[in-house]
Amino acid sequence: MTNKISKTYKGPKYPTEAQGKIPAFYSYEEEANFWDTHSFTEFEDELKDVDIVFELNKPREETLVLRVQKGLKEKLARVARKKGLNVSSLSRIWLMEKLQSA
């Protein structure tokens, strides 16, 4: 099972282009300042409707509390960091892999 998580920034490239009444921005900070002083409702006439899909047939998530020794958790955290995952995701992947081979 392969699980890759990209650490690449996926936000806008600067400078951005103006979009209707929304100006071009030359930095993240400039854009943040703009949105700190404006509401998206000022641009409602420019918004587009989108379709939202809910997948209600997906299995429900369950929580499992697992107590481990501090050293084991630290080692797991180091491995997870190297793989670009959090401890929970890495643990879930390894559990699924082990169960598939059982």
PDB file of N, CA and C in Angstrom:
ATOM      1  N   MET A   1       0.845  -1.173   0.000  1.00  0.00           N
ATOM      2  CA  MET A   1       0.000   0.000   0.000  1.00  0.00           C
ATOM      3  C   MET A   1       0.889   1.235   0.000  1.00  0.00           C
ATOM      4  N   THR A   2       0.661   2.127  -0.916  1.00  0.00           N
ATOM      5  CA  THR A   2       1.452   3.341  -1.024  1.00  0.00           C
ATOM      6  C   THR A   2       0.601   4.527  -0.616  1.00  0.00           C
ATOM      7  N   ASN A   3       1.151   5.386   0.214  1.00  0.00           N
ATOM      8  CA  ASN A   3       0.439   6.578   0.641  1.00  0.00           C
ATOM      9  C   ASN A   3       1.416   7.730   0.609  1.00  0.00           C
ATOM     10  N   LYS A   4       1.290   8.606  -0.386  1.00  0.00           N
ATOM     11  CA  LYS A   4       2.176   9.750  -0.495  1.00  0.00           C
ATOM     12  C   LYS A   4       1.409  11.006  -0.134  1.00  0.00           C
ATOM     13  N   ILE A   5       2.016  11.833   0.691  1.00  0.00           N
ATOM     14  CA  ILE A   5       1.426  13.113   1.039  1.00  0.00           C
ATOM     15  C   ILE A   5       2.399  14.181   0.569  1.00  0.00           C
ATOM     16  N   SER A   6       1.910  15.069  -0.265  1.00  0.00           N
ATOM     17  CA  SER A   6       2.746  16.125  -0.803  1.00  0.00           C
ATOM     18  C   SER A   6       2.875  17.258   0.202  1.00  0.00           C
ATOM     19  N   LYS A   7       4.086  17.757   0.356  1.00  0.00           N
ATOM     20  CA  LYS A   7       4.315  18.907   1.219  1.00  0.00           C
ATOM     21  C   LYS A   7       4.429  20.164   0.369  1.00  0.00           C
ATOM     22  N   THR A   8       4.038  20.073  -0.885  1.00  0.00           N
ATOM     23  CA  THR A   8       4.136  21.184  -1.798  1.00  0.00           C
ATOM     24  C   THR A   8       2.993  22.155  -1.572  1.00  0.00           C
ATOM     25  N   TYR A   9       3.310  23.445  -1.556  1.00  0.00           N
ATOM     26  CA  TYR A   9       2.304  24.489  -1.412  1.00  0.00           C
ATOM     27  C   TYR A   9       1.380  24.452  -2.615  1.00  0.00           C
ATOM     28  N   LYS A  10       0.072  24.415  -2.377  1.00  0.00           N
ATOM     29  CA  LYS A  10      -0.892  24.314  -3.451  1.00  0.00           C
ATOM     30  C   LYS A  10      -1.747  25.565  -3.589  1.00  0.00           C
ATOM     31  N   GLY A  11      -1.361  26.630  -2.938  1.00  0.00           N
ATOM     32  CA  GLY A  11      -2.124  27.872  -3.018  1.00  0.00           C
ATOM     33  C   GLY A  11      -1.801  28.623  -4.297  1.00  0.00           C
ATOM     34  N   PRO A  12      -2.279  29.856  -4.390  1.00  0.00           N
ATOM     35  CA  PRO A  12      -2.068  30.622  -5.616  1.00  0.00           C
ATOM     36  C   PRO A  12      -0.604  30.985  -5.821  1.00  0.00           C
ATOM     37  N   LYS A  13      -0.259  31.161  -7.066  1.00  0.00           N
ATOM     38  CA  LYS A  13       1.085  31.636  -7.416  1.00  0.00           C
ATOM     39  C   LYS A  13       1.021  33.159  -7.433  1.00  0.00           C
ATOM     40  N   TYR A  14       2.031  33.804  -6.902  1.00  0.00           N
ATOM     41  CA  TYR A  14       2.055  35.264  -6.860  1.00  0.00           C
ATOM     42  C   TYR A  14       3.007  35.793  -7.910  1.00  0.00           C
ATOM     43  N   PRO A  15       2.658  36.885  -8.568  1.00  0.00           N
ATOM     44  CA  PRO A  15       1.424  37.633  -8.375  1.00  0.00           C
ATOM     45  C   PRO A  15       0.230  36.906  -8.984  1.00  0.00           C
ATOM     46  N   THR A  16      -0.944  37.128  -8.383  1.00  0.00           N
ATOM     47  CA  THR A  16      -2.176  36.553  -8.916  1.00  0.00           C
ATOM     48  C   THR A  16      -2.744  37.516  -9.954  1.00  0.00           C
ATOM     49  N   GLU A  17      -3.752  37.069 -10.666  1.00  0.00           N
ATOM     50  CA  GLU A  17      -4.454  37.958 -11.588  1.00  0.00           C
ATOM     51  C   GLU A  17      -5.696  38.478 -10.898  1.00  0.00           C
ATOM     52  N   ALA A  18      -6.118  39.677 -11.264  1.00  0.00           N
ATOM     53  CA  ALA A  18      -7.370  40.221 -10.734  1.00  0.00           C
ATOM     54  C   ALA A  18      -8.519  39.343 -11.206  1.00  0.00           C
ATOM     55  N   GLN A  19      -9.499  39.145 -10.346  1.00  0.00           N
ATOM     56  CA  GLN A  19     -10.690  38.351 -10.659  1.00  0.00           C
ATOM     57  C   GLN A  19     -11.903  39.226 -10.417  1.00  0.00           C
ATOM     58  N   GLY A  20     -12.448  39.819 -11.450  1.00  0.00           N
ATOM     59  CA  GLY A  20     -13.590  40.714 -11.275  1.00  0.00           C
ATOM     60  C   GLY A  20     -13.203  41.877 -10.383  1.00  0.00           C
ATOM     61  N   LYS A  21     -13.952  42.047  -9.282  1.00  0.00           N
ATOM     62  CA  LYS A  21     -13.672  43.148  -8.343  1.00  0.00           C
ATOM     63  C   LYS A  21     -12.537  42.810  -7.376  1.00  0.00           C
ATOM     64  N   ILE A  22     -12.084  41.562  -7.377  1.00  0.00           N
ATOM     65  CA  ILE A  22     -10.989  41.158  -6.484  1.00  0.00           C
ATOM     66  C   ILE A  22      -9.673  41.511  -7.168  1.00  0.00           C
ATOM     67  N   PRO A  23      -8.844  42.324  -6.517  1.00  0.00           N
ATOM     68  CA  PRO A  23      -7.613  42.776  -7.172  1.00  0.00           C
ATOM     69  C   PRO A  23      -6.549  41.681  -7.272  1.00  0.00           C
ATOM     70  N   ALA A  24      -5.514  41.968  -8.041  1.00  0.00           N
ATOM     71  CA  ALA A  24      -4.342  41.088  -8.093  1.00  0.00           C
ATOM     72  C   ALA A  24      -3.592  41.239  -6.771  1.00  0.00           C
ATOM     73  N   PHE A  25      -2.961  40.161  -6.336  1.00  0.00           N
ATOM     74  CA  PHE A  25      -2.167  40.195  -5.107  1.00  0.00           C
ATOM     75  C   PHE A  25      -0.727  39.831  -5.457  1.00  0.00           C
ATOM     76  N   TYR A  26       0.211  40.487  -4.764  1.00  0.00           N
ATOM     77  CA  TYR A  26       1.623  40.253  -5.045  1.00  0.00           C
ATOM     78  C   TYR A  26       2.311  39.422  -3.979  1.00  0.00           C
ATOM     79  N   SER A  27       1.576  39.112  -2.894  1.00  0.00           N
ATOM     80  CA  SER A  27       2.134  38.257  -1.844  1.00  0.00           C
ATOM     81  C   SER A  27       1.004  37.689  -1.007  1.00  0.00           C
ATOM     82  N   TYR A  28       1.316  36.649  -0.265  1.00  0.00           N
ATOM     83  CA  TYR A  28       0.363  36.035   0.657  1.00  0.00           C
ATOM     84  C   TYR A  28      -0.097  37.055   1.690  1.00  0.00           C
ATOM     85  N   GLU A  29       0.842  37.855   2.189  1.00  0.00           N
ATOM     86  CA  GLU A  29       0.527  38.848   3.208  1.00  0.00           C
ATOM     87  C   GLU A  29      -0.446  39.895   2.670  1.00  0.00           C
ATOM     88  N   GLU A  30      -0.217  40.350   1.416  1.00  0.00           N
ATOM     89  CA  GLU A  30      -1.107  41.331   0.812  1.00  0.00           C
ATOM     90  C   GLU A  30      -2.517  40.755   0.665  1.00  0.00           C
ATOM     91  N   GLU A  31      -2.608  39.499   0.252  1.00  0.00           N
ATOM     92  CA  GLU A  31      -3.911  38.862   0.102  1.00  0.00           C
ATOM     93  C   GLU A  31      -4.586  38.699   1.465  1.00  0.00           C
ATOM     94  N   ALA A  32      -3.825  38.287   2.477  1.00  0.00           N
ATOM     95  CA  ALA A  32      -4.378  38.114   3.821  1.00  0.00           C
ATOM     96  C   ALA A  32      -4.916  39.441   4.353  1.00  0.00           C
ATOM     97  N   ASN A  33      -4.175  40.528   4.139  1.00  0.00           N
ATOM     98  CA  ASN A  33      -4.638  41.845   4.586  1.00  0.00           C
ATOM     99  C   ASN A  33      -5.934  42.239   3.887  1.00  0.00           C
ATOM    100  N   PHE A  34      -6.042  41.932   2.600  1.00  0.00           N
ATOM    101  CA  PHE A  34      -7.257  42.245   1.856  1.00  0.00           C
ATOM    102  C   PHE A  34      -8.449  41.517   2.464  1.00  0.00           C
ATOM    103  N   TRP A  35      -8.299  40.193   2.689  1.00  0.00           N
ATOM    104  CA  TRP A  35      -9.424  39.414   3.206  1.00  0.00           C
ATOM    105  C   TRP A  35      -9.705  39.705   4.668  1.00  0.00           C
ATOM    106  N   ASP A  36      -8.731  40.244   5.404  1.00  0.00           N
ATOM    107  CA  ASP A  36      -8.974  40.674   6.780  1.00  0.00           C
ATOM    108  C   ASP A  36      -9.873  41.911   6.819  1.00  0.00           C
ATOM    109  N   THR A  37      -9.905  42.680   5.725  1.00  0.00           N
ATOM    110  CA  THR A  37     -10.685  43.918   5.700  1.00  0.00           C
ATOM    111  C   THR A  37     -11.873  43.862   4.743  1.00  0.00           C
ATOM    112  N   HIS A  38     -12.098  42.712   4.117  1.00  0.00           N
ATOM    113  CA  HIS A  38     -13.224  42.540   3.201  1.00  0.00           C
ATOM    114  C   HIS A  38     -13.938  41.228   3.516  1.00  0.00           C
ATOM    115  N   SER A  39     -15.198  41.155   3.120  1.00  0.00           N
ATOM    116  CA  SER A  39     -15.972  39.932   3.274  1.00  0.00           C
ATOM    117  C   SER A  39     -16.277  39.384   1.888  1.00  0.00           C
ATOM    118  N   PHE A  40     -16.292  38.048   1.782  1.00  0.00           N
ATOM    119  CA  PHE A  40     -16.619  37.471   0.474  1.00  0.00           C
ATOM    120  C   PHE A  40     -18.028  37.854   0.038  1.00  0.00           C
ATOM    121  N   THR A  41     -18.868  38.264   1.003  1.00  0.00           N
ATOM    122  CA  THR A  41     -20.229  38.663   0.641  1.00  0.00           C
ATOM    123  C   THR A  41     -20.249  39.941  -0.190  1.00  0.00           C
ATOM    124  N   GLU A  42     -19.155  40.706  -0.156  1.00  0.00           N
ATOM    125  CA  GLU A  42     -19.041  41.893  -1.010  1.00  0.00           C
ATOM    126  C   GLU A  42     -18.970  41.499  -2.482  1.00  0.00           C
ATOM    127  N   PHE A  43     -18.705  40.217  -2.748  1.00  0.00           N
ATOM    128  CA  PHE A  43     -18.504  39.746  -4.113  1.00  0.00           C
ATOM    129  C   PHE A  43     -19.537  38.696  -4.510  1.00  0.00           C
ATOM    130  N   GLU A  44     -20.663  38.664  -3.784  1.00  0.00           N
ATOM    131  CA  GLU A  44     -21.691  37.638  -4.022  1.00  0.00           C
ATOM    132  C   GLU A  44     -22.160  37.599  -5.467  1.00  0.00           C
ATOM    133  N   ASP A  45     -22.246  38.757  -6.115  1.00  0.00           N
ATOM    134  CA  ASP A  45     -22.718  38.784  -7.500  1.00  0.00           C
ATOM    135  C   ASP A  45     -21.728  38.124  -8.458  1.00  0.00           C
ATOM    136  N   GLU A  46     -20.504  37.861  -7.991  1.00  0.00           N
ATOM    137  CA  GLU A  46     -19.493  37.218  -8.830  1.00  0.00           C
ATOM    138  C   GLU A  46     -19.290  35.741  -8.491  1.00  0.00           C
ATOM    139  N   LEU A  47     -19.962  35.262  -7.443  1.00  0.00           N
ATOM    140  CA  LEU A  47     -19.789  33.871  -7.022  1.00  0.00           C
ATOM    141  C   LEU A  47     -20.540  32.932  -7.949  1.00  0.00           C
ATOM    142  N   LYS A  48     -20.035  31.714  -8.073  1.00  0.00           N
ATOM    143  CA  LYS A  48     -20.676  30.696  -8.895  1.00  0.00           C
ATOM    144  C   LYS A  48     -21.154  29.560  -8.004  1.00  0.00           C
ATOM    145  N   ASP A  49     -22.312  28.977  -8.353  1.00  0.00           N
ATOM    146  CA  ASP A  49     -22.804  27.804  -7.635  1.00  0.00           C
ATOM    147  C   ASP A  49     -21.922  26.603  -7.957  1.00  0.00           C
ATOM    148  N   VAL A  50     -21.736  25.734  -6.984  1.00  0.00           N
ATOM    149  CA  VAL A  50     -20.985  24.501  -7.200  1.00  0.00           C
ATOM    150  C   VAL A  50     -21.804  23.326  -6.698  1.00  0.00           C
ATOM    151  N   ASP A  51     -21.565  22.167  -7.266  1.00  0.00           N
ATOM    152  CA  ASP A  51     -22.222  20.956  -6.800  1.00  0.00           C
ATOM    153  C   ASP A  51     -21.377  20.334  -5.699  1.00  0.00           C
ATOM    154  N   ILE A  52     -22.026  19.899  -4.630  1.00  0.00           N
ATOM    155  CA  ILE A  52     -21.341  19.213  -3.533  1.00  0.00           C
ATOM    156  C   ILE A  52     -21.867  17.786  -3.498  1.00  0.00           C
ATOM    157  N   VAL A  53     -20.945  16.832  -3.466  1.00  0.00           N
ATOM    158  CA  VAL A  53     -21.320  15.427  -3.457  1.00  0.00           C
ATOM    159  C   VAL A  53     -21.006  14.843  -2.087  1.00  0.00           C
ATOM    160  N   PHE A  54     -22.005  14.215  -1.468  1.00  0.00           N
ATOM    161  CA  PHE A  54     -21.814  13.528  -0.198  1.00  0.00           C
ATOM    162  C   PHE A  54     -21.855  12.032  -0.467  1.00  0.00           C
ATOM    163  N   GLU A  55     -20.869  11.317   0.019  1.00  0.00           N
ATOM    164  CA  GLU A  55     -20.844   9.872  -0.144  1.00  0.00           C
ATOM    165  C   GLU A  55     -21.333   9.244   1.153  1.00  0.00           C
ATOM    166  N   LEU A  56     -22.645   9.049   1.237  1.00  0.00           N
ATOM    167  CA  LEU A  56     -23.244   8.553   2.469  1.00  0.00           C
ATOM    168  C   LEU A  56     -23.054   7.059   2.662  1.00  0.00           C
ATOM    169  N   ASN A  57     -22.659   6.347   1.619  1.00  0.00           N
ATOM    170  CA  ASN A  57     -22.489   4.896   1.726  1.00  0.00           C
ATOM    171  C   ASN A  57     -21.113   4.490   2.221  1.00  0.00           C
ATOM    172  N   LYS A  58     -20.240   5.465   2.449  1.00  0.00           N
ATOM    173  CA  LYS A  58     -18.912   5.131   2.956  1.00  0.00           C
ATOM    174  C   LYS A  58     -19.030   4.563   4.368  1.00  0.00           C
ATOM    175  N   PRO A  59     -18.159   3.626   4.713  1.00  0.00           N
ATOM    176  CA  PRO A  59     -18.203   3.084   6.081  1.00  0.00           C
ATOM    177  C   PRO A  59     -17.902   4.183   7.103  1.00  0.00           C
ATOM    178  N   ARG A  60     -18.527   4.073   8.239  1.00  0.00           N
ATOM    179  CA  ARG A  60     -18.299   5.054   9.296  1.00  0.00           C
ATOM    180  C   ARG A  60     -16.911   4.857   9.896  1.00  0.00           C
ATOM    181  N   GLU A  61     -16.330   5.976  10.318  1.00  0.00           N
ATOM    182  CA  GLU A  61     -15.022   5.929  10.957  1.00  0.00           C
ATOM    183  C   GLU A  61     -15.195   5.491  12.410  1.00  0.00           C
ATOM    184  N   GLU A  62     -14.262   4.739  12.902  1.00  0.00           N
ATOM    185  CA  GLU A  62     -14.259   4.308  14.297  1.00  0.00           C
ATOM    186  C   GLU A  62     -12.967   4.788  14.934  1.00  0.00           C
ATOM    187  N   THR A  63     -12.985   4.956  16.220  1.00  0.00           N
ATOM    188  CA  THR A  63     -11.804   5.378  16.955  1.00  0.00           C
ATOM    189  C   THR A  63     -11.283   4.218  17.778  1.00  0.00           C
ATOM    190  N   LEU A  64      -9.974   4.016  17.758  1.00  0.00           N
ATOM    191  CA  LEU A  64      -9.328   2.982  18.556  1.00  0.00           C
ATOM    192  C   LEU A  64      -8.279   3.666  19.425  1.00  0.00           C
ATOM    193  N   VAL A  65      -8.382   3.499  20.709  1.00  0.00           N
ATOM    194  CA  VAL A  65      -7.380   4.043  21.621  1.00  0.00           C
ATOM    195  C   VAL A  65      -6.390   2.928  21.911  1.00  0.00           C
ATOM    196  N   LEU A  66      -5.128   3.177  21.637  1.00  0.00           N
ATOM    197  CA  LEU A  66      -4.087   2.168  21.808  1.00  0.00           C
ATOM    198  C   LEU A  66      -2.993   2.751  22.688  1.00  0.00           C
ATOM    199  N   ARG A  67      -2.756   2.121  23.804  1.00  0.00           N
ATOM    200  CA  ARG A  67      -1.716   2.604  24.715  1.00  0.00           C
ATOM    201  C   ARG A  67      -0.398   1.897  24.390  1.00  0.00           C
ATOM    202  N   VAL A  68       0.662   2.707  24.206  1.00  0.00           N
ATOM    203  CA  VAL A  68       1.991   2.155  23.918  1.00  0.00           C
ATOM    204  C   VAL A  68       3.013   2.856  24.807  1.00  0.00           C
ATOM    205  N   GLN A  69       4.185   2.234  24.930  1.00  0.00           N
ATOM    206  CA  GLN A  69       5.258   2.832  25.706  1.00  0.00           C
ATOM    207  C   GLN A  69       5.732   4.110  25.000  1.00  0.00           C
ATOM    208  N   LYS A  70       6.232   5.043  25.813  1.00  0.00           N
ATOM    209  CA  LYS A  70       6.678   6.339  25.301  1.00  0.00           C
ATOM    210  C   LYS A  70       7.732   6.175  24.203  1.00  0.00           C
ATOM    211  N   GLY A  71       8.688   5.290  24.418  1.00  0.00           N
ATOM    212  CA  GLY A  71       9.760   5.078  23.440  1.00  0.00           C
ATOM    213  C   GLY A  71       9.227   4.567  22.109  1.00  0.00           C
ATOM    214  N   LEU A  72       8.234   3.684  22.176  1.00  0.00           N
ATOM    215  CA  LEU A  72       7.633   3.156  20.956  1.00  0.00           C
ATOM    216  C   LEU A  72       6.911   4.260  20.188  1.00  0.00           C
ATOM    217  N   LYS A  73       6.198   5.098  20.923  1.00  0.00           N
ATOM    218  CA  LYS A  73       5.489   6.202  20.268  1.00  0.00           C
ATOM    219  C   LYS A  73       6.483   7.178  19.630  1.00  0.00           C
ATOM    220  N   GLU A  74       7.567   7.481  20.312  1.00  0.00           N
ATOM    221  CA  GLU A  74       8.574   8.397  19.765  1.00  0.00           C
ATOM    222  C   GLU A  74       9.195   7.829  18.495  1.00  0.00           C
ATOM    223  N   LYS A  75       9.495   6.517  18.501  1.00  0.00           N
ATOM    224  CA  LYS A  75      10.068   5.878  17.314  1.00  0.00           C
ATOM    225  C   LYS A  75       9.056   5.904  16.164  1.00  0.00           C
ATOM    226  N   LEU A  76       7.810   5.619  16.465  1.00  0.00           N
ATOM    227  CA  LEU A  76       6.748   5.659  15.469  1.00  0.00           C
ATOM    228  C   LEU A  76       6.616   7.074  14.894  1.00  0.00           C
ATOM    229  N   ALA A  77       6.712   8.080  15.745  1.00  0.00           N
ATOM    230  CA  ALA A  77       6.618   9.474  15.300  1.00  0.00           C
ATOM    231  C   ALA A  77       7.772   9.833  14.367  1.00  0.00           C
ATOM    232  N   ARG A  78       8.984   9.349  14.667  1.00  0.00           N
ATOM    233  CA  ARG A  78      10.145   9.626  13.807  1.00  0.00           C
ATOM    234  C   ARG A  78       9.957   9.014  12.422  1.00  0.00           C
ATOM    235  N   VAL A  79       9.518   7.757  12.387  1.00  0.00           N
ATOM    236  CA  VAL A  79       9.291   7.081  11.113  1.00  0.00           C
ATOM    237  C   VAL A  79       8.187   7.790  10.336  1.00  0.00           C
ATOM    238  N   ALA A  80       7.111   8.164  11.023  1.00  0.00           N
ATOM    239  CA  ALA A  80       5.991   8.848  10.374  1.00  0.00           C
ATOM    240  C   ALA A  80       6.445  10.162   9.760  1.00  0.00           C
ATOM    241  N   ARG A  81       7.237  10.933  10.510  1.00  0.00           N
ATOM    242  CA  ARG A  81       7.751  12.211   9.999  1.00  0.00           C
ATOM    243  C   ARG A  81       8.565  12.009   8.730  1.00  0.00           C
ATOM    244  N   LYS A  82       9.424  10.992   8.725  1.00  0.00           N
ATOM    245  CA  LYS A  82      10.257  10.708   7.541  1.00  0.00           C
ATOM    246  C   LYS A  82       9.401  10.384   6.327  1.00  0.00           C
ATOM    247  N   LYS A  83       8.238   9.784   6.557  1.00  0.00           N
ATOM    248  CA  LYS A  83       7.346   9.402   5.470  1.00  0.00           C
ATOM    249  C   LYS A  83       6.335  10.499   5.137  1.00  0.00           C
ATOM    250  N   GLY A  84       6.375  11.614   5.878  1.00  0.00           N
ATOM    251  CA  GLY A  84       5.451  12.707   5.634  1.00  0.00           C
ATOM    252  C   GLY A  84       4.042  12.416   6.121  1.00  0.00           C
ATOM    253  N   LEU A  85       3.932  11.574   7.152  1.00  0.00           N
ATOM    254  CA  LEU A  85       2.630  11.188   7.698  1.00  0.00           C
ATOM    255  C   LEU A  85       2.543  11.577   9.162  1.00  0.00           C
ATOM    256  N   ASN A  86       1.341  11.507   9.719  1.00  0.00           N
ATOM    257  CA  ASN A  86       1.231  11.644  11.161  1.00  0.00           C
ATOM    258  C   ASN A  86       1.209  10.234  11.761  1.00  0.00           C
ATOM    259  N   VAL A  87       1.358  10.142  13.069  1.00  0.00           N
ATOM    260  CA  VAL A  87       1.454   8.850  13.751  1.00  0.00           C
ATOM    261  C   VAL A  87       0.205   8.010  13.487  1.00  0.00           C
ATOM    262  N   SER A  88      -0.954   8.628  13.550  1.00  0.00           N
ATOM    263  CA  SER A  88      -2.207   7.906  13.357  1.00  0.00           C
ATOM    264  C   SER A  88      -2.293   7.291  11.956  1.00  0.00           C
ATOM    265  N   SER A  89      -1.934   8.059  10.933  1.00  0.00           N
ATOM    266  CA  SER A  89      -2.005   7.555   9.551  1.00  0.00           C
ATOM    267  C   SER A  89      -1.035   6.402   9.331  1.00  0.00           C
ATOM    268  N   LEU A  90       0.202   6.566   9.807  1.00  0.00           N
ATOM    269  CA  LEU A  90       1.185   5.499   9.644  1.00  0.00           C
ATOM    270  C   LEU A  90       0.731   4.237  10.371  1.00  0.00           C
ATOM    271  N   SER A  91       0.209   4.380  11.572  1.00  0.00           N
ATOM    272  CA  SER A  91      -0.264   3.221  12.337  1.00  0.00           C
ATOM    273  C   SER A  91      -1.398   2.518  11.609  1.00  0.00           C
ATOM    274  N   ARG A  92      -2.323   3.297  11.071  1.00  0.00           N
ATOM    275  CA  ARG A  92      -3.456   2.724  10.339  1.00  0.00           C
ATOM    276  C   ARG A  92      -2.975   1.974   9.098  1.00  0.00           C
ATOM    277  N   ILE A  93      -2.034   2.549   8.360  1.00  0.00           N
ATOM    278  CA  ILE A  93      -1.485   1.894   7.165  1.00  0.00           C
ATOM    279  C   ILE A  93      -0.822   0.575   7.540  1.00  0.00           C
ATOM    280  N   TRP A  94       0.005   0.591   8.588  1.00  0.00           N
ATOM    281  CA  TRP A  94       0.700  -0.622   8.992  1.00  0.00           C
ATOM    282  C   TRP A  94      -0.277  -1.686   9.492  1.00  0.00           C
ATOM    283  N   LEU A  95      -1.307  -1.284  10.216  1.00  0.00           N
ATOM    284  CA  LEU A  95      -2.319  -2.251  10.667  1.00  0.00           C
ATOM    285  C   LEU A  95      -3.036  -2.889   9.477  1.00  0.00           C
ATOM    286  N   MET A  96      -3.406  -2.063   8.497  1.00  0.00           N
ATOM    287  CA  MET A  96      -4.085  -2.604   7.303  1.00  0.00           C
ATOM    288  C   MET A  96      -3.182  -3.560   6.545  1.00  0.00           C
ATOM    289  N   GLU A  97      -1.888  -3.216   6.403  1.00  0.00           N
ATOM    290  CA  GLU A  97      -0.942  -4.086   5.698  1.00  0.00           C
ATOM    291  C   GLU A  97      -0.801  -5.412   6.442  1.00  0.00           C
ATOM    292  N   LYS A  98      -0.693  -5.366   7.751  1.00  0.00           N
ATOM    293  CA  LYS A  98      -0.543  -6.587   8.554  1.00  0.00           C
ATOM    294  C   LYS A  98      -1.788  -7.453   8.450  1.00  0.00           C
ATOM    295  N   LEU A  99      -2.974  -6.854   8.488  1.00  0.00           N
ATOM    296  CA  LEU A  99      -4.212  -7.610   8.396  1.00  0.00           C
ATOM    297  C   LEU A  99      -4.403  -8.227   7.002  1.00  0.00           C
ATOM    298  N   GLN A 100      -3.906  -7.551   5.966  1.00  0.00           N
ATOM    299  CA  GLN A 100      -4.019  -8.095   4.608  1.00  0.00           C
ATOM    300  C   GLN A 100      -3.155  -9.326   4.430  1.00  0.00           C
ATOM    301  N   SER A 101      -2.047  -9.379   5.167  1.00  0.00           N
ATOM    302  CA  SER A 101      -1.153 -10.541   5.037  1.00  0.00           C
ATOM    303  C   SER A 101      -1.491 -11.642   6.028  1.00  0.00           C
ATOM    304  N   ALA A 102      -2.457 -11.417   6.911  1.00  0.00           N
ATOM    305  CA  ALA A 102      -2.805 -12.407   7.944  1.00  0.00           C
ATOM    306  C   ALA A 102      -3.688 -13.516   7.370  1.00  0.00           C
TER     307      ALA A 102
END
